[in-house]
PDB file of N, CA and C in Angstrom:
ATOM      1  N   UNK A   1     140.748 284.539 133.866  1.00  0.00           N
ATOM      2  CA  UNK A   1     141.308 283.330 134.779  1.00  0.00           C
ATOM      3  C   UNK A   1     142.760 283.780 135.106  1.00  0.00           C
ATOM      4  N   UNK A   2     142.783 284.504 136.370  1.00  0.00           N
ATOM      5  CA  UNK A   2     144.213 284.613 136.869  1.00  0.00           C
ATOM      6  C   UNK A   2     144.734 283.620 137.594  1.00  0.00           C
ATOM      7  N   UNK A   3     146.013 283.334 137.593  1.00  0.00           N
ATOM      8  CA  UNK A   3     146.670 282.257 138.285  1.00  0.00           C
ATOM      9  C   UNK A   3     146.438 282.452 139.666  1.00  0.00           C
ATOM     10  N   UNK A   4     146.044 281.488 140.554  1.00  0.00           N
ATOM     11  CA  UNK A   4     146.184 281.594 142.046  1.00  0.00           C
ATOM     12  C   UNK A   4     146.858 280.497 142.579  1.00  0.00           C
ATOM     13  N   UNK A   5     147.628 279.540 141.980  1.00  0.00           N
ATOM     14  CA  UNK A   5     148.441 278.650 142.408  1.00  0.00           C
ATOM     15  C   UNK A   5     149.868 278.874 142.184  1.00  0.00           C
ATOM     16  N   UNK A   6     150.823 279.041 143.100  1.00  0.00           N
ATOM     17  CA  UNK A   6     152.019 279.490 142.878  1.00  0.00           C
ATOM     18  C   UNK A   6     153.123 278.294 143.155  1.00  0.00           C
ATOM     19  N   UNK A   7     154.329 278.649 143.150  1.00  0.00           N
ATOM     20  CA  UNK A   7     155.490 277.932 143.233  1.00  0.00           C
ATOM     21  C   UNK A   7     155.367 276.555 143.941  1.00  0.00           C
ATOM     22  N   UNK A   8     155.517 276.267 145.160  1.00  0.00           N
ATOM     23  CA  UNK A   8     155.543 275.115 145.850  1.00  0.00           C
ATOM     24  C   UNK A   8     154.157 274.426 145.674  1.00  0.00           C
ATOM     25  N   UNK A   9     153.277 275.202 145.783  1.00  0.00           N
ATOM     26  CA  UNK A   9     151.768 274.652 145.603  1.00  0.00           C
ATOM     27  C   UNK A   9     151.754 273.848 144.241  1.00  0.00           C
ATOM     28  N   UNK A  10     152.282 274.446 143.293  1.00  0.00           N
ATOM     29  CA  UNK A  10     152.249 273.868 141.968  1.00  0.00           C
ATOM     30  C   UNK A  10     153.111 272.310 141.986  1.00  0.00           C
ATOM     31  N   UNK A  11     154.244 272.680 142.330  1.00  0.00           N
ATOM     32  CA  UNK A  11     155.091 271.510 142.354  1.00  0.00           C
ATOM     33  C   UNK A  11     154.346 270.219 143.259  1.00  0.00           C
ATOM     34  N   UNK A  12     153.784 270.571 144.400  1.00  0.00           N
ATOM     35  CA  UNK A  12     153.288 269.515 145.322  1.00  0.00           C
ATOM     36  C   UNK A  12     151.923 268.958 144.530  1.00  0.00           C
ATOM     37  N   UNK A  13     151.099 269.875 143.793  1.00  0.00           N
ATOM     38  CA  UNK A  13     150.153 269.228 143.072  1.00  0.00           C
ATOM     39  C   UNK A  13     150.458 268.563 141.797  1.00  0.00           C
ATOM     40  N   UNK A  14     151.442 268.952 141.236  1.00  0.00           N
ATOM     41  CA  UNK A  14     152.079 268.045 139.954  1.00  0.00           C
ATOM     42  C   UNK A  14     152.275 266.792 140.594  1.00  0.00           C
ATOM     43  N   UNK A  15     153.365 266.885 141.700  1.00  0.00           N
ATOM     44  CA  UNK A  15     153.976 265.533 142.089  1.00  0.00           C
ATOM     45  C   UNK A  15     152.799 264.636 142.660  1.00  0.00           C
ATOM     46  N   UNK A  16     151.656 265.129 143.287  1.00  0.00           N
ATOM     47  CA  UNK A  16     150.602 264.227 143.781  1.00  0.00           C
ATOM     48  C   UNK A  16     149.864 263.681 142.768  1.00  0.00           C
ATOM     49  N   UNK A  17     149.596 264.432 141.576  1.00  0.00           N
ATOM     50  CA  UNK A  17     148.749 264.020 140.591  1.00  0.00           C
ATOM     51  C   UNK A  17     149.459 262.922 139.817  1.00  0.00           C
ATOM     52  N   UNK A  18     150.740 263.075 139.563  1.00  0.00           N
ATOM     53  CA  UNK A  18     151.534 262.047 138.732  1.00  0.00           C
ATOM     54  C   UNK A  18     151.534 260.860 139.482  1.00  0.00           C
ATOM     55  N   UNK A  19     151.720 260.957 140.700  1.00  0.00           N
ATOM     56  CA  UNK A  19     151.907 259.694 141.847  1.00  0.00           C
ATOM     57  C   UNK A  19     150.467 259.056 141.674  1.00  0.00           C
ATOM     58  N   UNK A  20     149.611 259.592 141.924  1.00  0.00           N
ATOM     59  CA  UNK A  20     148.300 259.008 141.822  1.00  0.00           C
ATOM     60  C   UNK A  20     147.827 258.228 140.635  1.00  0.00           C
ATOM     61  N   UNK A  21     148.113 259.072 139.420  1.00  0.00           N
ATOM     62  CA  UNK A  21     147.920 258.435 138.108  1.00  0.00           C
ATOM     63  C   UNK A  21     148.784 257.296 137.981  1.00  0.00           C
ATOM     64  N   UNK A  22     149.991 257.299 138.413  1.00  0.00           N
ATOM     65  CA  UNK A  22     150.849 256.031 138.086  1.00  0.00           C
ATOM     66  C   UNK A  22     150.619 254.885 139.187  1.00  0.00           C
ATOM     67  N   UNK A  23     150.138 255.336 140.267  1.00  0.00           N
ATOM     68  CA  UNK A  23     149.689 254.144 141.018  1.00  0.00           C
ATOM     69  C   UNK A  23     148.253 253.492 140.572  1.00  0.00           C
ATOM     70  N   UNK A  24     147.518 254.277 139.971  1.00  0.00           N
ATOM     71  CA  UNK A  24     146.154 253.870 139.439  1.00  0.00           C
ATOM     72  C   UNK A  24     146.388 253.062 138.163  1.00  0.00           C
ATOM     73  N   UNK A  25     147.288 253.534 137.615  1.00  0.00           N
ATOM     74  CA  UNK A  25     147.534 252.826 136.113  1.00  0.00           C
ATOM     75  C   UNK A  25     148.409 251.540 136.325  1.00  0.00           C
ATOM     76  N   UNK A  26     149.158 251.372 137.481  1.00  0.00           N
ATOM     77  CA  UNK A  26     149.647 249.989 137.868  1.00  0.00           C
ATOM     78  C   UNK A  26     148.970 249.280 138.520  1.00  0.00           C
ATOM     79  N   UNK A  27     147.631 249.452 138.990  1.00  0.00           N
ATOM     80  CA  UNK A  27     146.975 248.826 139.852  1.00  0.00           C
ATOM     81  C   UNK A  27     147.326 248.640 141.192  1.00  0.00           C
ATOM     82  N   UNK A  28     147.909 249.704 141.765  1.00  0.00           N
ATOM     83  CA  UNK A  28     148.336 249.676 143.342  1.00  0.00           C
ATOM     84  C   UNK A  28     147.047 250.127 143.858  1.00  0.00           C
ATOM     85  N   UNK A  29     146.637 251.026 143.302  1.00  0.00           N
ATOM     86  CA  UNK A  29     145.306 251.769 144.146  1.00  0.00           C
ATOM     87  C   UNK A  29     144.117 251.688 143.005  1.00  0.00           C
ATOM     88  N   UNK A  30     143.061 251.596 143.462  1.00  0.00           N
ATOM     89  CA  UNK A  30     141.941 251.303 142.561  1.00  0.00           C
ATOM     90  C   UNK A  30     141.720 252.676 141.728  1.00  0.00           C
ATOM     91  N   UNK A  31     140.532 252.541 140.940  1.00  0.00           N
ATOM     92  CA  UNK A  31     140.126 253.432 140.046  1.00  0.00           C
ATOM     93  C   UNK A  31     140.061 254.832 140.731  1.00  0.00           C
ATOM     94  N   UNK A  32     139.938 255.087 141.858  1.00  0.00           N
ATOM     95  CA  UNK A  32     139.847 256.489 142.489  1.00  0.00           C
ATOM     96  C   UNK A  32     141.193 257.184 142.359  1.00  0.00           C
ATOM     97  N   UNK A  33     142.232 256.291 141.802  1.00  0.00           N
ATOM     98  CA  UNK A  33     143.514 257.164 141.887  1.00  0.00           C
ATOM     99  C   UNK A  33     143.723 257.864 140.462  1.00  0.00           C
ATOM    100  N   UNK A  34     142.671 257.806 139.630  1.00  0.00           N
ATOM    101  CA  UNK A  34     142.655 258.488 138.438  1.00  0.00           C
ATOM    102  C   UNK A  34     142.220 259.826 138.721  1.00  0.00           C
ATOM    103  N   UNK A  35     141.771 260.145 139.912  1.00  0.00           N
ATOM    104  CA  UNK A  35     141.301 261.623 140.420  1.00  0.00           C
ATOM    105  C   UNK A  35     142.597 262.305 140.585  1.00  0.00           C
ATOM    106  N   UNK A  36     143.795 261.592 140.452  1.00  0.00           N
ATOM    107  CA  UNK A  36     144.928 262.297 140.218  1.00  0.00           C
ATOM    108  C   UNK A  36     145.220 263.423 139.220  1.00  0.00           C
ATOM    109  N   UNK A  37     144.040 263.419 138.193  1.00  0.00           N
ATOM    110  CA  UNK A  37     144.338 264.275 137.190  1.00  0.00           C
ATOM    111  C   UNK A  37     143.786 265.678 137.502  1.00  0.00           C
ATOM    112  N   UNK A  38     143.147 265.717 138.610  1.00  0.00           N
ATOM    113  CA  UNK A  38     142.501 266.965 139.248  1.00  0.00           C
ATOM    114  C   UNK A  38     143.877 267.876 139.670  1.00  0.00           C
ATOM    115  N   UNK A  39     144.408 267.219 140.663  1.00  0.00           N
ATOM    116  CA  UNK A  39     145.799 268.279 141.179  1.00  0.00           C
ATOM    117  C   UNK A  39     146.752 268.421 139.977  1.00  0.00           C
ATOM    118  N   UNK A  40     146.743 267.530 139.060  1.00  0.00           N
ATOM    119  CA  UNK A  40     147.832 267.585 137.872  1.00  0.00           C
ATOM    120  C   UNK A  40     147.324 268.863 137.070  1.00  0.00           C
ATOM    121  N   UNK A  41     146.157 268.700 136.731  1.00  0.00           N
ATOM    122  CA  UNK A  41     145.525 269.793 135.861  1.00  0.00           C
ATOM    123  C   UNK A  41     145.650 271.070 136.477  1.00  0.00           C
ATOM    124  N   UNK A  42     145.248 271.259 137.853  1.00  0.00           N
ATOM    125  CA  UNK A  42     145.233 272.554 138.532  1.00  0.00           C
ATOM    126  C   UNK A  42     146.862 273.006 138.617  1.00  0.00           C
ATOM    127  N   UNK A  43     147.700 272.140 138.866  1.00  0.00           N
ATOM    128  CA  UNK A  43     149.130 272.397 138.998  1.00  0.00           C
ATOM    129  C   UNK A  43     149.877 272.977 137.683  1.00  0.00           C
ATOM    130  N   UNK A  44     149.256 272.200 136.749  1.00  0.00           N
ATOM    131  CA  UNK A  44     149.784 272.600 135.240  1.00  0.00           C
ATOM    132  C   UNK A  44     149.218 273.993 134.753  1.00  0.00           C
ATOM    133  N   UNK A  45     148.156 274.132 135.055  1.00  0.00           N
ATOM    134  CA  UNK A  45     147.107 275.549 134.749  1.00  0.00           C
ATOM    135  C   UNK A  45     147.454 276.668 135.716  1.00  0.00           C
ATOM    136  N   UNK A  46     147.927 276.242 136.920  1.00  0.00           N
ATOM    137  CA  UNK A  46     148.217 277.294 137.914  1.00  0.00           C
ATOM    138  C   UNK A  46     146.913 277.931 138.453  1.00  0.00           C
ATOM    139  N   UNK A  47     145.857 277.284 138.311  1.00  0.00           N
ATOM    140  CA  UNK A  47     144.637 277.931 138.673  1.00  0.00           C
ATOM    141  C   UNK A  47     143.787 276.833 139.338  1.00  0.00           C
ATOM    142  N   UNK A  48     143.045 277.190 140.314  1.00  0.00           N
ATOM    143  CA  UNK A  48     142.231 276.401 141.257  1.00  0.00           C
ATOM    144  C   UNK A  48     140.990 276.813 141.345  1.00  0.00           C
ATOM    145  N   UNK A  49     139.900 276.273 140.887  1.00  0.00           N
ATOM    146  CA  UNK A  49     138.541 276.783 141.231  1.00  0.00           C
ATOM    147  C   UNK A  49     138.230 276.777 142.544  1.00  0.00           C
ATOM    148  N   UNK A  50     138.665 275.792 143.443  1.00  0.00           N
ATOM    149  CA  UNK A  50     138.342 275.741 144.931  1.00  0.00           C
ATOM    150  C   UNK A  50     138.815 276.978 145.626  1.00  0.00           C
ATOM    151  N   UNK A  51     139.897 277.730 145.066  1.00  0.00           N
ATOM    152  CA  UNK A  51     140.453 278.591 145.853  1.00  0.00           C
ATOM    153  C   UNK A  51     139.624 279.996 145.519  1.00  0.00           C
ATOM    154  N   UNK A  52     138.631 280.144 144.590  1.00  0.00           N
ATOM    155  CA  UNK A  52     137.975 281.401 144.148  1.00  0.00           C
ATOM    156  C   UNK A  52     137.034 281.880 145.295  1.00  0.00           C
ATOM    157  N   UNK A  53     136.145 280.750 145.918  1.00  0.00           N
ATOM    158  CA  UNK A  53     135.286 281.226 146.752  1.00  0.00           C
ATOM    159  C   UNK A  53     135.800 281.842 148.202  1.00  0.00           C
ATOM    160  N   UNK A  54     137.121 281.278 148.457  1.00  0.00           N
ATOM    161  CA  UNK A  54     137.717 281.860 149.785  1.00  0.00           C
ATOM    162  C   UNK A  54     138.636 282.957 149.451  1.00  0.00           C
ATOM    163  N   UNK A  55     138.904 283.171 148.123  1.00  0.00           N
ATOM    164  CA  UNK A  55     139.907 284.454 147.841  1.00  0.00           C
ATOM    165  C   UNK A  55     141.285 283.984 147.995  1.00  0.00           C
ATOM    166  N   UNK A  56     141.776 282.792 148.042  1.00  0.00           N
ATOM    167  CA  UNK A  56     142.942 282.330 148.309  1.00  0.00           C
ATOM    168  C   UNK A  56     143.979 282.324 147.244  1.00  0.00           C
ATOM    169  N   UNK A  57     145.253 282.800 147.411  1.00  0.00           N
ATOM    170  CA  UNK A  57     146.252 282.521 146.436  1.00  0.00           C
ATOM    171  C   UNK A  57     147.388 282.252 146.955  1.00  0.00           C
ATOM    172  N   UNK A  58     148.113 281.241 146.339  1.00  0.00           N
ATOM    173  CA  UNK A  58     149.332 281.004 146.843  1.00  0.00           C
ATOM    174  C   UNK A  58     150.653 281.592 146.014  1.00  0.00           C
ATOM    175  N   UNK A  59     150.122 282.418 145.051  1.00  0.00           N
ATOM    176  CA  UNK A  59     151.027 283.032 144.053  1.00  0.00           C
ATOM    177  C   UNK A  59     151.720 284.253 144.813  1.00  0.00           C
ATOM    178  N   UNK A  60     152.979 284.681 144.521  1.00  0.00           N
ATOM    179  CA  UNK A  60     153.752 285.620 145.371  1.00  0.00           C
ATOM    180  C   UNK A  60     153.070 287.049 145.134  1.00  0.00           C
ATOM    181  N   UNK A  61     152.960 288.012 145.911  1.00  0.00           N
ATOM    182  CA  UNK A  61     152.245 289.355 145.771  1.00  0.00           C
ATOM    183  C   UNK A  61     153.189 290.122 144.815  1.00  0.00           C
ATOM    184  N   UNK A  62     152.778 290.722 144.022  1.00  0.00           N
ATOM    185  CA  UNK A  62     153.577 291.627 142.976  1.00  0.00           C
ATOM    186  C   UNK A  62     153.822 292.897 143.596  1.00  0.00           C
TER     187      UNK A  62
END
């Protein structure tokens, strides 16, 4: 499992995930907000399964 999510992409995913989870936990948005766990997890792992079929990587080239 090679990393395919880099730098800014990771920060945006983590921020969006935390925001959605916080909004869901406080009742501002409905239960759908708990889907924020997906961008949070992909941001923390640095790997996104949706990128695989398209060969996308936001990591810097080595």
